[in-house]
Amino acid sequence: MVYIFGLFIMAIGVALSVRSNLGVSPVSSIPYTMTCVWGIEMGKATILFHIALVLLQILLLRREFHPVQLLQIVAGVVFGYFTTFCNYLVTFLPVADLIVVRVAMIFVSALFVAWGIFLYLPTNLIPLAGEGAMHAVSRVTGVDFSKVKIGFDCTMAAISLTTCLFVIRGLGSVGIGTILAAVLVGTVHGAITKRFGALKDWLLHLDC
């Protein structure tokens, strides 16, 4: 239940960043680019992106890829439908013209995403394919996971920006919100973990 709730909270954060129209987080930039360029609904684009990341893991890990890791596709499908539903929910919010309001939406979005990660990741169930792919790259290359994450986020943002500039002649999924999300999510997650980490471990029996 905690795992599913965490994914749903993350999906709300993604939907709010989309609604702000200032750019989405780096990992969500590829699915949103697919929406901007090809008109694929973002939830379905998210599912396709997660499938592609699982295929990447298979290519990288080969025999070390375990069949249970295919459940990342199931997690991606759940997260994709959550994204579709949350994008629908935020359509009831008024369109924000003031830049201050739109930036505030990015801050709230980062808060939701950070809380979602805080809830879903420590359950030690199936990671989303983004984290799975980053772990696979780290394992194959021997590069520290934190450095792989930075490189992964930068690569996703660069691919999205280049695609949008060439195809739709605009920034598309990348903007000031992307930079803010990259900084804020980690910062907020650290603060939440420091404040509520012990309580969460106790509730999930992670301290046993």
Protein backbone atom coordinates (compact mmCIF):
# COMPACT_ATOMS: atom_id res chain seq x y z
CA MET A 1 0.00 0.00 0.00
CA VAL A 2 2.85 2.37 0.83
CA TYR A 3 4.52 1.52 -2.49
CA ILE A 4 1.39 2.22 -4.55
CA PHE A 5 0.63 5.41 -2.62
CA GLY A 6 4.20 6.61 -3.20
CA LEU A 7 3.86 6.09 -6.96
CA PHE A 8 0.57 7.99 -6.96
CA ILE A 9 2.08 10.92 -5.05
CA MET A 10 4.93 11.03 -7.56
CA ALA A 11 2.44 11.07 -10.44
CA ILE A 12 0.71 14.11 -8.89
CA GLY A 13 4.08 15.86 -8.79
CA VAL A 14 4.72 15.07 -12.46
CA ALA A 15 1.25 16.34 -13.43
CA LEU A 16 1.80 19.62 -11.55
CA SER A 17 5.12 20.19 -13.33
CA VAL A 18 3.40 19.62 -16.68
CA ARG A 19 0.63 22.04 -15.71
CA SER A 20 3.16 24.73 -14.79
CA ASN A 21 4.41 24.73 -18.39
CA LEU A 22 7.93 25.53 -17.17
CA GLY A 23 9.46 22.15 -17.87
CA VAL A 24 9.26 18.76 -16.20
CA SER A 25 11.83 16.75 -14.23
CA PRO A 26 14.65 15.16 -16.30
CA VAL A 27 13.33 11.58 -16.03
CA SER A 28 9.84 12.68 -17.12
CA SER A 29 11.21 14.81 -19.96
CA ILE A 30 11.40 11.96 -22.49
CA PRO A 31 7.74 10.87 -22.10
CA TYR A 32 6.59 14.50 -22.22
CA THR A 33 8.71 15.06 -25.32
CA MET A 34 6.94 12.10 -26.94
CA THR A 35 3.67 13.84 -26.09
CA CYS A 36 4.81 17.18 -27.53
CA VAL A 37 6.34 15.75 -30.70
CA TRP A 38 4.17 12.75 -31.61
CA GLY A 39 1.00 13.49 -29.68
CA ILE A 40 1.20 10.29 -27.64
CA GLU A 41 -0.77 10.60 -24.39
CA MET A 42 1.77 11.08 -21.60
CA GLY A 43 0.68 8.07 -19.55
CA LYS A 44 1.12 5.78 -22.55
CA ALA A 45 4.42 7.49 -23.41
CA THR A 46 5.58 6.82 -19.84
CA ILE A 47 4.78 3.13 -20.21
CA LEU A 48 6.67 2.92 -23.52
CA PHE A 49 9.65 4.72 -21.98
CA HIS A 50 9.75 2.29 -19.05
CA ILE A 51 9.65 -0.68 -21.44
CA ALA A 52 12.58 0.84 -23.36
CA LEU A 53 14.54 1.25 -20.12
CA VAL A 54 13.94 -2.39 -19.18
CA LEU A 55 15.20 -3.45 -22.63
CA LEU A 56 18.29 -1.30 -21.99
CA GLN A 57 18.86 -3.17 -18.73
CA ILE A 58 18.61 -6.51 -20.57
CA LEU A 59 21.23 -5.37 -23.09
CA LEU A 60 23.56 -4.14 -20.35
CA LEU A 61 23.20 -6.92 -17.80
CA ARG A 62 22.57 -9.88 -20.15
CA ARG A 63 22.78 -13.05 -18.04
CA GLU A 64 22.80 -10.99 -14.86
CA PHE A 65 19.34 -9.68 -15.67
CA HIS A 66 16.84 -11.65 -13.57
CA PRO A 67 13.28 -12.35 -14.82
CA VAL A 68 11.79 -10.77 -11.68
CA GLN A 69 13.14 -7.44 -12.93
CA LEU A 70 10.55 -7.59 -15.72
CA LEU A 71 8.08 -6.54 -13.04
CA GLN A 72 9.47 -3.04 -13.60
CA ILE A 73 7.22 -2.99 -16.66
CA VAL A 74 4.21 -3.66 -14.42
CA ALA A 75 5.33 -0.82 -12.13
CA GLY A 76 5.71 1.37 -15.23
CA VAL A 77 2.18 0.54 -16.38
CA VAL A 78 0.78 1.45 -12.95
CA PHE A 79 2.77 4.69 -12.90
CA GLY A 80 1.69 5.47 -16.46
CA TYR A 81 -2.01 5.15 -15.62
CA PHE A 82 -1.47 7.20 -12.48
CA THR A 83 0.15 9.88 -14.66
CA THR A 84 -2.83 9.88 -17.03
CA PHE A 85 -5.28 10.20 -14.14
CA CYS A 86 -3.32 12.95 -12.38
CA ASN A 87 -2.89 14.91 -15.62
CA TYR A 88 -6.67 14.79 -15.90
CA LEU A 89 -7.10 15.99 -12.31
CA VAL A 90 -4.86 19.04 -12.77
CA THR A 91 -6.90 20.18 -15.78
CA PHE A 92 -9.40 21.46 -13.21
CA LEU A 93 -6.77 23.88 -11.92
CA PRO A 94 -6.95 27.35 -13.49
CA VAL A 95 -4.32 28.15 -16.09
CA ALA A 96 -1.61 30.19 -14.36
CA ASP A 97 -0.37 33.23 -16.28
CA LEU A 98 1.72 34.74 -13.47
CA ILE A 99 5.27 33.41 -13.44
CA VAL A 100 5.26 33.47 -9.64
CA VAL A 101 2.33 31.05 -9.54
CA ARG A 102 3.93 28.77 -12.11
CA VAL A 103 7.21 28.66 -10.18
CA ALA A 104 5.23 27.91 -7.02
CA MET A 105 3.69 24.94 -8.85
CA ILE A 106 7.20 23.65 -9.59
CA PHE A 107 8.05 23.86 -5.88
CA VAL A 108 4.87 21.99 -4.95
CA SER A 109 5.60 19.45 -7.69
CA ALA A 110 9.09 18.82 -6.27
CA LEU A 111 7.55 18.36 -2.83
CA PHE A 112 5.14 15.68 -4.12
CA VAL A 113 7.85 13.86 -6.10
CA ALA A 114 10.21 13.89 -3.11
CA TRP A 115 7.48 12.50 -0.83
CA GLY A 116 6.66 9.84 -3.41
CA ILE A 117 10.28 8.69 -3.59
CA PHE A 118 10.47 8.77 0.21
CA LEU A 119 7.47 6.44 0.42
CA TYR A 120 7.95 4.01 -2.48
CA LEU A 121 11.71 3.44 -2.68
CA PRO A 122 12.44 2.12 0.86
CA THR A 123 9.75 -0.56 0.55
CA ASN A 124 12.40 -2.53 -1.37
CA LEU A 125 9.89 -3.86 -3.87
CA ILE A 126 10.27 -3.23 -7.61
CA PRO A 127 12.03 0.02 -8.56
CA LEU A 128 10.80 2.09 -11.46
CA ALA A 129 12.71 1.41 -14.66
CA GLY A 130 14.58 4.72 -14.39
CA GLU A 131 16.27 3.69 -11.16
CA GLY A 132 16.71 0.17 -12.52
CA ALA A 133 18.51 1.46 -15.61
CA MET A 134 20.76 3.71 -13.55
CA HIS A 135 21.69 0.82 -11.25
CA ALA A 136 22.46 -1.32 -14.32
CA VAL A 137 24.76 1.35 -15.79
CA SER A 138 26.46 1.76 -12.42
CA ARG A 139 26.94 -1.99 -12.10
CA VAL A 140 28.40 -2.43 -15.60
CA THR A 141 30.64 0.63 -15.61
CA GLY A 142 31.65 0.63 -11.95
CA VAL A 143 30.74 4.32 -11.72
CA ASP A 144 29.10 5.47 -8.48
CA PHE A 145 25.28 5.55 -8.66
CA SER A 146 25.06 9.25 -7.75
CA LYS A 147 27.33 10.16 -10.68
CA VAL A 148 25.38 7.89 -13.01
CA LYS A 149 22.16 9.64 -11.95
CA ILE A 150 23.59 13.05 -12.76
CA GLY A 151 24.74 11.82 -16.17
CA PHE A 152 21.41 10.08 -16.79
CA ASP A 153 19.39 13.19 -15.92
CA CYS A 154 21.59 15.41 -18.08
CA THR A 155 21.35 12.97 -21.00
CA MET A 156 17.55 12.76 -20.79
CA ALA A 157 17.24 16.55 -20.64
CA ALA A 158 19.67 17.00 -23.55
CA ILE A 159 17.84 14.46 -25.75
CA SER A 160 14.49 16.06 -24.96
CA LEU A 161 15.73 19.60 -25.58
CA THR A 162 17.41 18.68 -28.88
CA THR A 163 14.36 16.78 -30.14
CA CYS A 164 11.94 19.59 -29.26
CA LEU A 165 14.16 22.29 -30.78
CA PHE A 166 14.48 20.44 -34.07
CA VAL A 167 10.94 19.10 -34.39
CA ILE A 168 8.59 21.64 -32.77
CA ARG A 169 11.00 24.61 -32.71
CA GLY A 170 10.48 25.11 -28.99
CA LEU A 171 11.79 24.06 -25.58
CA GLY A 172 8.96 21.55 -25.08
CA SER A 173 9.59 19.49 -21.93
CA VAL A 174 12.74 21.33 -20.83
CA GLY A 175 12.78 24.67 -19.05
CA ILE A 176 13.58 26.41 -15.81
CA GLY A 177 11.29 23.91 -14.10
CA THR A 178 13.62 21.08 -15.19
CA ILE A 179 16.59 22.74 -13.50
CA LEU A 180 14.59 23.55 -10.38
CA ALA A 181 13.28 19.98 -10.19
CA ALA A 182 16.79 18.52 -10.51
CA VAL A 183 17.91 20.60 -7.50
CA LEU A 184 14.76 20.65 -5.38
CA VAL A 185 13.73 16.98 -5.41
CA GLY A 186 16.99 15.77 -3.92
CA THR A 187 17.11 18.61 -1.42
CA VAL A 188 13.53 18.13 -0.25
CA HIS A 189 13.92 14.35 -0.13
CA GLY A 190 16.97 14.74 2.10
CA ALA A 191 15.08 17.03 4.47
CA ILE A 192 12.07 14.68 4.60
CA THR A 193 14.29 11.66 5.26
CA LYS A 194 16.10 13.46 8.06
CA ARG A 195 12.84 14.49 9.71
CA PHE A 196 10.65 11.44 9.15
CA GLY A 197 13.09 8.64 8.20
CA ALA A 198 13.07 6.97 11.64
CA LEU A 199 9.27 6.97 11.76
CA LYS A 200 9.03 5.50 8.27
CA ASP A 201 11.56 2.76 9.12
CA TRP A 202 9.56 1.89 12.20
CA LEU A 203 6.29 1.71 10.27
CA LEU A 204 7.85 -0.46 7.55
CA HIS A 205 9.85 -2.49 10.10
CA LEU A 206 13.07 -1.52 8.32
CA ASP A 207 14.77 -1.04 11.67
CA CYS A 208 14.34 -4.71 12.62
